[in-house]
Protein backbone atom coordinates (compact mmCIF):
# COMPACT_ATOMS: atom_id res chain seq x y z
CA MET A 1 -23.11 10.52 -36.09
CA PRO A 2 -24.52 9.31 -32.74
CA ARG A 3 -22.29 9.57 -29.69
CA ALA A 4 -20.61 6.40 -28.46
CA ALA A 5 -22.30 4.88 -25.44
CA ALA A 6 -20.51 4.41 -22.13
CA ILE A 7 -19.50 0.88 -21.14
CA HIS A 8 -19.96 0.14 -17.48
CA TYR A 9 -20.37 -2.45 -14.74
CA ARG A 10 -21.24 -1.61 -11.15
CA ARG A 11 -22.49 -3.41 -8.09
CA TYR A 12 -23.57 -2.32 -4.62
CA LEU A 13 -23.42 -4.85 -1.80
CA PRO A 14 -25.43 -5.41 1.38
CA ILE A 15 -23.25 -5.59 4.50
CA SER A 16 -23.77 -8.12 7.29
CA ASP A 17 -22.60 -8.03 10.91
CA ASP A 18 -20.03 -10.71 10.04
CA ASP A 19 -18.69 -8.50 7.25
CA ARG A 20 -18.23 -5.64 9.70
CA ALA A 21 -16.62 -7.95 12.25
CA TRP A 22 -13.97 -8.93 9.66
CA GLY A 23 -12.69 -5.36 9.80
CA LEU A 24 -12.66 -4.52 6.08
CA TYR A 25 -15.64 -4.91 3.81
CA VAL A 26 -16.50 -3.76 0.30
CA THR A 27 -19.60 -1.65 -0.29
CA CYS A 28 -19.45 -1.26 -4.07
CA GLY A 29 -17.21 -1.56 -7.10
CA GLY A 30 -17.26 -1.08 -10.82
CA TYR A 31 -15.71 -0.07 -14.11
CA LEU A 32 -16.78 2.72 -16.46
CA ARG A 33 -15.51 3.61 -19.93
CA VAL A 34 -16.64 7.12 -20.79
CA PRO A 35 -16.03 7.98 -24.46
CA PRO A 36 -15.52 11.62 -25.56
CA GLY A 37 -18.75 13.58 -25.39
CA ALA A 38 -20.65 11.05 -23.27
CA SER A 39 -22.73 12.26 -20.34
CA TYR A 40 -21.31 11.86 -16.83
CA PRO A 41 -22.17 10.55 -14.33
CA LEU A 42 -24.43 7.80 -15.60
CA PRO A 43 -27.88 7.54 -13.99
CA GLY A 44 -29.02 4.62 -11.87
CA HIS A 45 -26.78 4.89 -8.80
CA PRO A 46 -28.37 4.65 -5.33
CA ALA A 47 -29.33 8.08 -3.99
CA ARG A 48 -26.55 8.21 -1.39
CA TYR A 49 -23.97 7.73 -4.17
CA SER A 50 -25.49 10.29 -6.54
CA LEU A 51 -22.86 12.74 -7.82
CA GLY A 52 -23.78 16.12 -9.34
CA TRP A 53 -21.08 18.57 -10.39
CA GLU A 54 -22.82 21.64 -9.03
CA ARG A 55 -23.45 20.33 -5.52
CA GLY A 56 -20.67 17.76 -5.23
CA ARG A 57 -20.99 14.90 -2.75
CA THR A 58 -19.92 13.44 0.58
CA LEU A 59 -19.82 9.73 1.42
CA ASP A 60 -19.94 7.65 4.58
CA GLU A 61 -17.22 5.31 3.32
CA PHE A 62 -13.86 5.25 1.58
CA GLN A 63 -13.53 4.96 -2.17
CA LEU A 64 -10.50 4.45 -4.40
CA HIS A 65 -10.73 5.46 -8.08
CA LEU A 66 -8.16 4.69 -10.78
CA ILE A 67 -8.23 6.56 -14.08
CA SER A 68 -6.43 4.28 -16.52
CA ARG A 69 -7.19 6.31 -19.67
CA GLY A 70 -8.23 9.87 -20.43
CA ALA A 71 -8.20 12.99 -18.30
CA GLY A 72 -10.44 15.09 -16.11
CA THR A 73 -10.78 17.27 -13.01
CA PHE A 74 -11.01 16.52 -9.29
CA GLU A 75 -11.93 18.90 -6.46
CA SER A 76 -12.12 18.36 -2.71
CA ASP A 77 -12.70 20.44 0.43
CA ASP A 78 -9.95 22.96 -0.36
CA GLY A 79 -11.75 23.99 -3.55
CA GLN A 80 -8.61 23.73 -5.67
CA PRO A 81 -9.22 21.97 -9.03
CA ARG A 82 -6.70 19.22 -9.68
CA ALA A 83 -6.00 17.86 -13.14
CA ILE A 84 -6.39 14.09 -13.49
CA ALA A 85 -4.08 12.36 -15.97
CA PRO A 86 -3.89 8.70 -17.03
CA GLY A 87 -2.62 6.55 -14.16
CA ALA A 88 -3.97 8.91 -11.50
CA VAL A 89 -5.66 7.57 -8.38
CA PHE A 90 -7.91 9.65 -6.19
CA LEU A 91 -9.10 8.70 -2.72
CA LEU A 92 -12.43 9.67 -1.19
CA PHE A 93 -12.67 9.82 2.60
CA PRO A 94 -15.80 9.61 4.78
CA GLY A 95 -17.35 13.03 5.32
CA ALA A 96 -15.03 14.79 2.84
CA TRP A 97 -16.78 16.84 0.16
CA HIS A 98 -15.63 16.15 -3.42
CA ARG A 99 -16.56 16.19 -7.07
CA TYR A 100 -14.92 14.92 -10.23
CA ARG A 101 -15.62 14.48 -13.91
CA PRO A 102 -13.86 13.49 -17.14
CA ASP A 103 -12.74 15.95 -19.79
CA PRO A 104 -15.61 15.95 -22.33
CA ALA A 105 -13.10 16.02 -25.18
CA GLN A 106 -11.30 12.87 -23.95
CA GLY A 107 -13.54 10.92 -21.60
CA TRP A 108 -11.81 8.39 -19.36
CA ASP A 109 -11.68 4.81 -18.13
CA GLU A 110 -12.53 4.64 -14.44
CA TRP A 111 -12.19 1.76 -11.96
CA TRP A 112 -13.50 2.15 -8.42
CA ILE A 113 -13.97 0.31 -5.17
CA GLY A 114 -15.86 1.43 -2.05
CA PHE A 115 -14.90 0.00 1.34
CA ASP A 116 -15.02 0.60 5.09
CA GLY A 117 -14.46 -1.11 8.45
CA GLU A 118 -12.22 -0.81 11.50
CA GLN A 119 -9.21 -2.25 9.72
CA ALA A 120 -9.85 -0.04 6.70
CA ARG A 121 -9.89 3.05 8.92
CA ARG A 122 -6.55 2.07 10.46
CA ILE A 123 -5.01 1.59 7.02
CA MET A 124 -6.40 4.82 5.58
CA ARG A 125 -5.08 7.17 8.24
CA ALA A 126 -1.67 8.84 8.31
CA PRO A 127 1.12 7.98 7.77
CA PHE A 128 -0.18 5.65 5.08
CA PHE A 129 -2.82 7.84 3.42
CA SER A 130 -4.24 11.29 4.10
CA ALA A 131 -7.43 13.16 3.24
CA GLU A 132 -5.21 16.21 2.65
CA ARG A 133 -3.51 14.37 -0.24
CA PRO A 134 -6.37 12.64 -2.07
CA LEU A 135 -4.76 12.59 -5.53
CA ILE A 136 -1.90 10.18 -6.24
CA ALA A 137 0.03 10.02 -9.52
CA ALA A 138 0.38 6.24 -9.72
CA GLY A 139 1.97 6.26 -13.18
CA ALA A 140 2.30 2.71 -14.51
CA HIS A 141 -0.80 0.97 -13.24
CA ASP A 142 -0.70 -2.63 -14.51
CA ASP A 143 -0.66 -4.07 -11.00
CA LEU A 144 -3.55 -1.87 -9.90
CA THR A 145 -5.72 -2.81 -12.89
CA GLU A 146 -4.91 -6.50 -12.23
CA HIS A 147 -6.24 -6.13 -8.68
CA PHE A 148 -9.33 -4.35 -9.96
CA THR A 149 -9.91 -7.02 -12.61
CA ALA A 150 -9.81 -9.72 -9.93
CA ILE A 151 -12.20 -7.72 -7.73
CA LEU A 152 -14.70 -7.27 -10.55
CA ALA A 153 -14.50 -10.98 -11.43
CA ILE A 154 -15.56 -11.87 -7.89
CA LEU A 155 -18.35 -9.29 -7.94
CA ARG A 156 -19.67 -10.72 -11.21
CA ASP A 157 -19.43 -14.36 -10.08
CA ASP A 158 -21.16 -13.68 -6.76
CA ARG A 159 -18.92 -16.22 -5.04
CA PRO A 160 -19.75 -17.63 -1.60
CA HIS A 161 -18.20 -15.64 1.24
CA MET A 162 -16.98 -13.19 -1.36
CA GLN A 163 -16.63 -10.35 1.17
CA ARG A 164 -13.58 -12.08 2.66
CA LEU A 165 -12.07 -12.47 -0.81
CA LEU A 166 -12.88 -8.88 -1.68
CA ALA A 167 -11.35 -7.68 1.60
CA GLY A 168 -8.10 -9.50 0.78
CA LEU A 169 -7.91 -8.11 -2.75
CA THR A 170 -8.77 -4.61 -1.54
CA GLY A 171 -5.95 -4.91 1.00
CA MET A 172 -3.56 -5.88 -1.80
CA LEU A 173 -4.78 -2.95 -3.89
CA LEU A 174 -4.15 -0.53 -1.03
CA ALA A 175 -0.75 -2.09 -0.31
CA SER A 176 0.32 -1.69 -3.94
CA LEU A 177 -0.78 1.92 -3.90
CA GLN A 178 0.84 2.71 -0.56
CA ALA A 179 4.14 1.24 -1.77
CA ARG A 180 4.11 3.87 -4.51
CA VAL A 181 3.30 6.62 -2.01
CA ALA A 182 6.08 5.51 0.33
CA ALA A 183 8.63 5.38 -2.51
CA GLY A 184 8.06 9.10 -3.09
CA GLY A 185 10.48 10.43 -5.66
CA VAL A 186 12.69 7.35 -5.80
CA ASP A 187 13.01 6.32 -9.45
CA ARG A 188 14.07 3.01 -11.00
CA HIS A 189 17.73 3.82 -10.43
CA GLY A 190 16.94 4.44 -6.77
CA THR A 191 15.00 1.19 -6.52
CA ARG A 192 17.94 -0.75 -7.94
CA ALA A 193 20.33 1.00 -5.54
CA VAL A 194 18.17 0.09 -2.53
CA GLN A 195 17.87 -3.51 -3.73
CA GLN A 196 21.64 -3.67 -4.06
CA ALA A 197 22.04 -2.22 -0.57
CA LYS A 198 19.69 -4.87 0.85
CA ARG A 199 21.71 -7.60 -0.85
CA LEU A 200 25.03 -6.28 0.48
CA ILE A 201 23.60 -5.89 3.99
CA ALA A 202 22.33 -9.49 3.90
CA GLU A 203 25.79 -10.67 2.84
CA ALA A 204 27.27 -8.78 5.81
CA VAL A 205 24.93 -10.28 8.39
CA ALA A 206 27.90 -11.58 10.41
CA ARG A 207 29.74 -8.26 10.64
CA PRO A 208 29.02 -4.57 11.23
CA VAL A 209 28.01 -2.43 8.24
CA ASP A 210 29.35 1.08 7.61
CA GLY A 211 26.76 3.13 5.71
CA HIS A 212 29.40 5.30 4.02
CA VAL A 213 31.29 2.24 2.78
CA LEU A 214 28.02 0.71 1.61
CA ALA A 215 27.08 3.85 -0.34
CA ASP A 216 30.54 3.98 -1.96
CA ALA A 217 30.25 0.34 -3.02
CA ILE A 218 26.91 1.07 -4.71
CA GLY A 219 28.09 4.36 -6.24
CA VAL A 220 25.64 6.72 -4.56
CA GLY A 221 25.82 9.36 -1.86
CA TYR A 222 25.45 8.27 1.76
CA HIS A 223 22.70 10.77 2.66
CA TRP A 224 20.79 9.98 -0.53
CA LEU A 225 21.00 6.24 0.23
CA ARG A 226 19.75 6.74 3.80
CA ARG A 227 16.72 8.66 2.56
CA ALA A 228 15.90 6.30 -0.34
CA PHE A 229 16.37 3.21 1.84
CA ARG A 230 13.98 4.48 4.52
CA GLN A 231 11.43 5.54 1.90
CA GLN A 232 11.34 2.07 0.38
CA THR A 233 11.71 -0.12 3.46
CA GLY A 234 10.45 2.02 6.35
CA LEU A 235 13.70 1.21 8.19
CA SER A 236 17.09 2.81 8.57
CA LEU A 237 20.15 0.99 7.24
CA HIS A 238 21.15 0.17 10.82
CA ASP A 239 17.74 -1.13 11.88
CA TYR A 240 17.43 -3.27 8.74
CA HIS A 241 20.87 -4.81 9.37
CA THR A 242 20.08 -5.37 13.05
CA GLN A 243 16.84 -7.21 12.26
CA LEU A 244 18.63 -9.49 9.79
CA ARG A 245 21.26 -10.28 12.41
CA ILE A 246 18.63 -11.09 15.05
CA HIS A 247 16.73 -13.30 12.58
CA ALA A 248 19.97 -15.15 11.89
CA ALA A 249 20.53 -15.50 15.65
CA MET A 250 17.04 -16.96 16.08
CA GLN A 251 17.73 -19.57 13.42
CA ARG A 252 21.01 -20.59 15.06
CA LEU A 253 19.48 -20.67 18.54
CA GLU A 254 16.69 -22.94 17.32
CA GLN A 255 18.71 -25.29 15.16
CA GLY A 256 22.16 -25.50 16.71
CA ASP A 257 23.86 -26.26 20.01
CA ALA A 258 26.10 -23.17 20.15
CA SER A 259 25.92 -21.02 23.25
CA VAL A 260 24.49 -17.53 23.23
CA ALA A 261 27.99 -16.09 23.57
CA ASP A 262 29.23 -18.13 20.59
CA ILE A 263 26.28 -17.05 18.42
CA ALA A 264 26.88 -13.43 19.39
CA ARG A 265 30.51 -13.70 18.23
CA GLN A 266 29.46 -15.51 15.02
CA LEU A 267 27.24 -12.55 14.15
CA GLY A 268 29.82 -9.87 14.89
CA PHE A 269 28.71 -8.87 18.40
CA ASP A 270 31.86 -8.52 20.49
CA ASP A 271 29.87 -8.10 23.71
CA PRO A 272 27.37 -10.93 24.40
CA TYR A 273 25.56 -8.73 26.93
CA TYR A 274 24.98 -6.07 24.29
CA PHE A 275 23.78 -8.81 21.93
CA SER A 276 21.29 -9.97 24.57
CA ARG A 277 19.93 -6.43 24.98
CA VAL A 278 19.50 -6.02 21.23
CA PHE A 279 17.88 -9.45 20.97
CA ARG A 280 15.42 -8.64 23.77
CA ARG A 281 14.42 -5.35 22.09
CA GLN A 282 13.69 -7.19 18.84
CA ALA A 283 12.17 -10.44 20.13
CA GLY A 284 10.70 -9.37 23.47
CA LEU A 285 12.61 -12.17 25.25
CA SER A 286 16.19 -12.89 26.20
CA PRO A 287 18.05 -15.25 23.81
CA GLN A 288 18.10 -17.99 26.46
CA ARG A 289 14.38 -17.79 27.17
CA TRP A 290 13.50 -17.53 23.47
CA GLN A 291 15.57 -20.65 22.80
CA ARG A 292 13.89 -22.62 25.60
CA GLN A 293 10.43 -21.67 24.39
CA ARG A 294 11.16 -22.66 20.79
CA ARG A 295 12.50 -26.02 21.96
CA GLY A 296 9.53 -26.60 24.24
CA GLU A 297 11.65 -26.70 27.37
């Protein structure tokens, strides 16, 4: 019986000065279904993208690969083979040696996007991503495959100004992936607990919040909640609450006639001078000056 043929789509794009000026541009993208026993990689890639298992490869750009089905092996500069399971994402960084291939007994389904630019290089550096941690266990990947599907649709349609559209979708793809990285080991229970904490903090915008009381109300430990909350939001409980209070103050300063001292008391600040200092740290202006600017005075 003949071996099943691979199914693939790929495209490599020319890059203009305007594309580079945008800050994030896409160099290539594609999809590849490798059935069990099929040869890998497929021929026909440009020479600078050619990947051989024995010699490996380095690139001048970033690439993001999602394996949505099957299994395989990935290696990078440290020379340690890493097993790739369904839902795994691996990141390729400029100048970093690597090689990868599917398990011949299983094959795999592979989505990839190549990109670069000044904005891309800001996004791809620590603390968001790291060349020392190129393999990410993304798990459920419906949102990632949706982003890839939209990217491939634009590549196929050859839409006008498609680099801007591709840049936006690539940014969404990276944001979805980074949210998973930032969440770390927080599971669904942890996500629900953090969401509940955010709701209770929002309800307490006009009064101080005690983290221990908050944790007790949710039914979790205080130290666990602090860690999970920072992992998912990037903010401490206190900083999150403070920002909500200052946002509420901005709304009242812009829409109402209450004095700064009255608004401070309405939002649980006993000392209006302390409120002004906190407001200035958040907004960059004193409450009085911020109010005058918003009203065009």
